[in-house]
Amino acid sequence: MKAIVIGLLAVSLAGCASSGRPIDQAKVKALKVGQTTIQQTEMALGKPTVTARLPDGQTLLEYVHATAQANGASFVPIVGLFASTVHTTSQILILMFDTHGVLASIQTQSSDMTSGPGAG
């Protein structure tokens, strides 16, 4: 009986990991190419995941948010080999600023997928 209860608890649990903050798309839409500065961007979106000063004087800000969630079957011995899945989502926002610190371009990328032996 004890083994059944432990097994049911394990199946009901799901592991979850997250990195970065979710990117607020409404705030991204408010950014204006040719107008918004680096300081205004950081006030709106917070500190970027990556800041890089390029050799030509431009500045790149990158915001990344990712999550991974495993289903409960992943934690059950033997069963996890055949029924485990991991659902991952990611958002990437790349902002390029000119030599004066004014927004020059916006690029976004996102993914949403489930993988593992139990996914298909």
C-alpha atoms as a PDB file:
ATOM      1  CA  MET A   1       0.000   0.000   0.000  1.00  0.00           C
ATOM      2  CA  LYS A   2       2.813   2.380   0.937  1.00  0.00           C
ATOM      3  CA  ALA A   3       4.472   1.813  -2.475  1.00  0.00           C
ATOM      4  CA  ILE A   4       1.204   2.635  -4.282  1.00  0.00           C
ATOM      5  CA  VAL A   5       0.789   5.900  -2.362  1.00  0.00           C
ATOM      6  CA  ILE A   6       4.390   6.893  -3.096  1.00  0.00           C
ATOM      7  CA  GLY A   7       3.906   6.013  -6.767  1.00  0.00           C
ATOM      8  CA  LEU A   8       0.736   8.091  -7.017  1.00  0.00           C
ATOM      9  CA  LEU A   9       2.430  11.046  -5.347  1.00  0.00           C
ATOM     10  CA  ALA A  10       5.352  10.804  -7.748  1.00  0.00           C
ATOM     11  CA  VAL A  11       3.032  10.733 -10.770  1.00  0.00           C
ATOM     12  CA  SER A  12       1.136  13.773  -9.502  1.00  0.00           C
ATOM     13  CA  LEU A  13       4.311  15.825  -9.081  1.00  0.00           C
ATOM     14  CA  ALA A  14       5.873  17.740 -11.925  1.00  0.00           C
ATOM     15  CA  GLY A  15       9.373  19.185 -11.974  1.00  0.00           C
ATOM     16  CA  CYS A  16       9.732  22.742 -13.202  1.00  0.00           C
ATOM     17  CA  ALA A  17      12.703  25.015 -13.854  1.00  0.00           C
ATOM     18  CA  SER A  18      12.796  28.587 -15.089  1.00  0.00           C
ATOM     19  CA  SER A  19      15.446  31.072 -16.139  1.00  0.00           C
ATOM     20  CA  GLY A  20      15.019  34.816 -16.628  1.00  0.00           C
ATOM     21  CA  ARG A  21      11.838  36.879 -16.421  1.00  0.00           C
ATOM     22  CA  PRO A  22       8.914  36.558 -18.839  1.00  0.00           C
ATOM     23  CA  ILE A  23       9.148  39.171 -21.587  1.00  0.00           C
ATOM     24  CA  ASP A  24       6.145  41.509 -21.533  1.00  0.00           C
ATOM     25  CA  GLN A  25       5.071  41.776 -25.186  1.00  0.00           C
ATOM     26  CA  ALA A  26       3.021  44.925 -24.531  1.00  0.00           C
ATOM     27  CA  LYS A  27       6.181  46.659 -23.303  1.00  0.00           C
ATOM     28  CA  VAL A  28       8.127  45.392 -26.317  1.00  0.00           C
ATOM     29  CA  LYS A  29       5.480  46.840 -28.659  1.00  0.00           C
ATOM     30  CA  ALA A  30       5.882  50.204 -26.931  1.00  0.00           C
ATOM     31  CA  LEU A  31       9.568  50.357 -27.924  1.00  0.00           C
ATOM     32  CA  LYS A  32      10.074  52.599 -30.960  1.00  0.00           C
ATOM     33  CA  VAL A  33      12.904  52.133 -33.442  1.00  0.00           C
ATOM     34  CA  GLY A  34      14.701  55.456 -33.887  1.00  0.00           C
ATOM     35  CA  GLN A  35      13.320  56.857 -30.613  1.00  0.00           C
ATOM     36  CA  THR A  36      13.695  54.560 -27.588  1.00  0.00           C
ATOM     37  CA  THR A  37      17.014  54.750 -25.716  1.00  0.00           C
ATOM     38  CA  ILE A  38      18.893  52.036 -23.830  1.00  0.00           C
ATOM     39  CA  GLN A  39      17.948  53.652 -20.511  1.00  0.00           C
ATOM     40  CA  GLN A  40      14.237  53.780 -21.434  1.00  0.00           C
ATOM     41  CA  THR A  41      14.390  50.143 -22.515  1.00  0.00           C
ATOM     42  CA  GLU A  42      15.958  49.024 -19.244  1.00  0.00           C
ATOM     43  CA  MET A  43      13.376  51.017 -17.283  1.00  0.00           C
ATOM     44  CA  ALA A  44      10.581  49.247 -19.176  1.00  0.00           C
ATOM     45  CA  LEU A  45      11.977  45.707 -19.370  1.00  0.00           C
ATOM     46  CA  GLY A  46      14.507  45.562 -16.542  1.00  0.00           C
ATOM     47  CA  LYS A  47      18.112  44.481 -16.686  1.00  0.00           C
ATOM     48  CA  PRO A  48      18.894  42.433 -19.816  1.00  0.00           C
ATOM     49  CA  THR A  49      20.258  38.892 -19.701  1.00  0.00           C
ATOM     50  CA  VAL A  50      23.153  39.969 -21.944  1.00  0.00           C
ATOM     51  CA  THR A  51      24.636  43.381 -22.735  1.00  0.00           C
ATOM     52  CA  ALA A  52      27.344  43.593 -25.391  1.00  0.00           C
ATOM     53  CA  ARG A  53      29.207  46.572 -26.778  1.00  0.00           C
ATOM     54  CA  LEU A  54      30.158  45.777 -30.378  1.00  0.00           C
ATOM     55  CA  PRO A  55      33.398  46.887 -32.065  1.00  0.00           C
ATOM     56  CA  ASP A  56      31.512  49.345 -34.291  1.00  0.00           C
ATOM     57  CA  GLY A  57      30.101  51.152 -31.232  1.00  0.00           C
ATOM     58  CA  GLN A  58      26.621  49.622 -31.335  1.00  0.00           C
ATOM     59  CA  THR A  59      25.131  48.033 -28.217  1.00  0.00           C
ATOM     60  CA  LEU A  60      23.193  44.774 -28.132  1.00  0.00           C
ATOM     61  CA  LEU A  61      20.730  43.944 -25.350  1.00  0.00           C
ATOM     62  CA  GLU A  62      19.344  40.427 -25.140  1.00  0.00           C
ATOM     63  CA  TYR A  63      16.458  39.308 -22.941  1.00  0.00           C
ATOM     64  CA  VAL A  64      15.902  35.566 -22.494  1.00  0.00           C
ATOM     65  CA  HIS A  65      13.217  33.649 -20.630  1.00  0.00           C
ATOM     66  CA  ALA A  66      13.024  29.855 -20.645  1.00  0.00           C
ATOM     67  CA  THR A  67      11.034  27.245 -18.737  1.00  0.00           C
ATOM     68  CA  ALA A  68      11.166  23.462 -18.654  1.00  0.00           C
ATOM     69  CA  GLN A  69       8.554  21.278 -17.011  1.00  0.00           C
ATOM     70  CA  ALA A  70       8.784  17.504 -16.685  1.00  0.00           C
ATOM     71  CA  ASN A  71       5.641  15.428 -16.259  1.00  0.00           C
ATOM     72  CA  GLY A  72       5.192  13.285 -13.154  1.00  0.00           C
ATOM     73  CA  ALA A  73       5.938  10.054 -15.025  1.00  0.00           C
ATOM     74  CA  SER A  74       9.530  11.238 -15.408  1.00  0.00           C
ATOM     75  CA  PHE A  75      10.112  10.542 -11.716  1.00  0.00           C
ATOM     76  CA  VAL A  76       8.705   7.003 -11.625  1.00  0.00           C
ATOM     77  CA  PRO A  77      11.378   4.320 -11.977  1.00  0.00           C
ATOM     78  CA  ILE A  78      11.098   2.306 -15.201  1.00  0.00           C
ATOM     79  CA  VAL A  79       7.881   4.114 -16.238  1.00  0.00           C
ATOM     80  CA  GLY A  80       9.870   7.304 -16.778  1.00  0.00           C
ATOM     81  CA  LEU A  81      11.937   5.576 -19.457  1.00  0.00           C
ATOM     82  CA  PHE A  82       8.840   5.210 -21.643  1.00  0.00           C
ATOM     83  CA  ALA A  83       6.355   7.864 -20.555  1.00  0.00           C
ATOM     84  CA  SER A  84       8.404  10.892 -19.538  1.00  0.00           C
ATOM     85  CA  THR A  85       8.018  14.204 -21.333  1.00  0.00           C
ATOM     86  CA  VAL A  86       9.529  17.646 -20.918  1.00  0.00           C
ATOM     87  CA  HIS A  87       7.658  20.734 -22.066  1.00  0.00           C
ATOM     88  CA  THR A  88       9.950  23.677 -22.815  1.00  0.00           C
ATOM     89  CA  THR A  89       9.179  27.241 -23.793  1.00  0.00           C
ATOM     90  CA  SER A  90      11.559  30.061 -24.557  1.00  0.00           C
ATOM     91  CA  GLN A  91      11.383  33.735 -25.474  1.00  0.00           C
ATOM     92  CA  ILE A  92      14.339  35.681 -26.849  1.00  0.00           C
ATOM     93  CA  LEU A  93      14.354  39.410 -27.513  1.00  0.00           C
ATOM     94  CA  ILE A  94      17.384  40.972 -29.219  1.00  0.00           C
ATOM     95  CA  LEU A  95      17.604  44.746 -29.342  1.00  0.00           C
ATOM     96  CA  MET A  96      20.317  46.575 -31.277  1.00  0.00           C
ATOM     97  CA  PHE A  97      21.141  50.194 -30.405  1.00  0.00           C
ATOM     98  CA  ASP A  98      23.157  52.590 -32.549  1.00  0.00           C
ATOM     99  CA  THR A  99      26.303  54.407 -31.415  1.00  0.00           C
ATOM    100  CA  HIS A 100      24.113  57.076 -29.754  1.00  0.00           C
ATOM    101  CA  GLY A 101      22.196  54.495 -27.676  1.00  0.00           C
ATOM    102  CA  VAL A 102      19.002  54.749 -29.737  1.00  0.00           C
ATOM    103  CA  LEU A 103      17.061  51.615 -30.729  1.00  0.00           C
ATOM    104  CA  ALA A 104      17.974  50.511 -34.262  1.00  0.00           C
ATOM    105  CA  SER A 105      16.301  47.081 -34.537  1.00  0.00           C
ATOM    106  CA  ILE A 106      14.145  44.546 -32.711  1.00  0.00           C
ATOM    107  CA  GLN A 107      14.265  40.785 -33.213  1.00  0.00           C
ATOM    108  CA  THR A 108      12.147  38.237 -31.370  1.00  0.00           C
ATOM    109  CA  GLN A 109      12.138  34.475 -31.276  1.00  0.00           C
ATOM    110  CA  SER A 110      10.037  32.005 -29.324  1.00  0.00           C
ATOM    111  CA  SER A 111       9.624  28.260 -29.095  1.00  0.00           C
ATOM    112  CA  ASP A 112       7.151  25.926 -27.447  1.00  0.00           C
ATOM    113  CA  MET A 113       7.749  22.178 -27.626  1.00  0.00           C
ATOM    114  CA  THR A 114       7.295  18.897 -25.853  1.00  0.00           C
ATOM    115  CA  SER A 115       9.885  16.153 -26.144  1.00  0.00           C
ATOM    116  CA  GLY A 116      10.679  12.762 -24.696  1.00  0.00           C
ATOM    117  CA  PRO A 117       9.550   9.173 -25.218  1.00  0.00           C
ATOM    118  CA  GLY A 118       5.997   9.948 -24.027  1.00  0.00           C
ATOM    119  CA  ALA A 119       5.564  12.947 -26.360  1.00  0.00           C
ATOM    120  CA  GLY A 120       4.641  11.120 -29.499  1.00  0.00           C
END
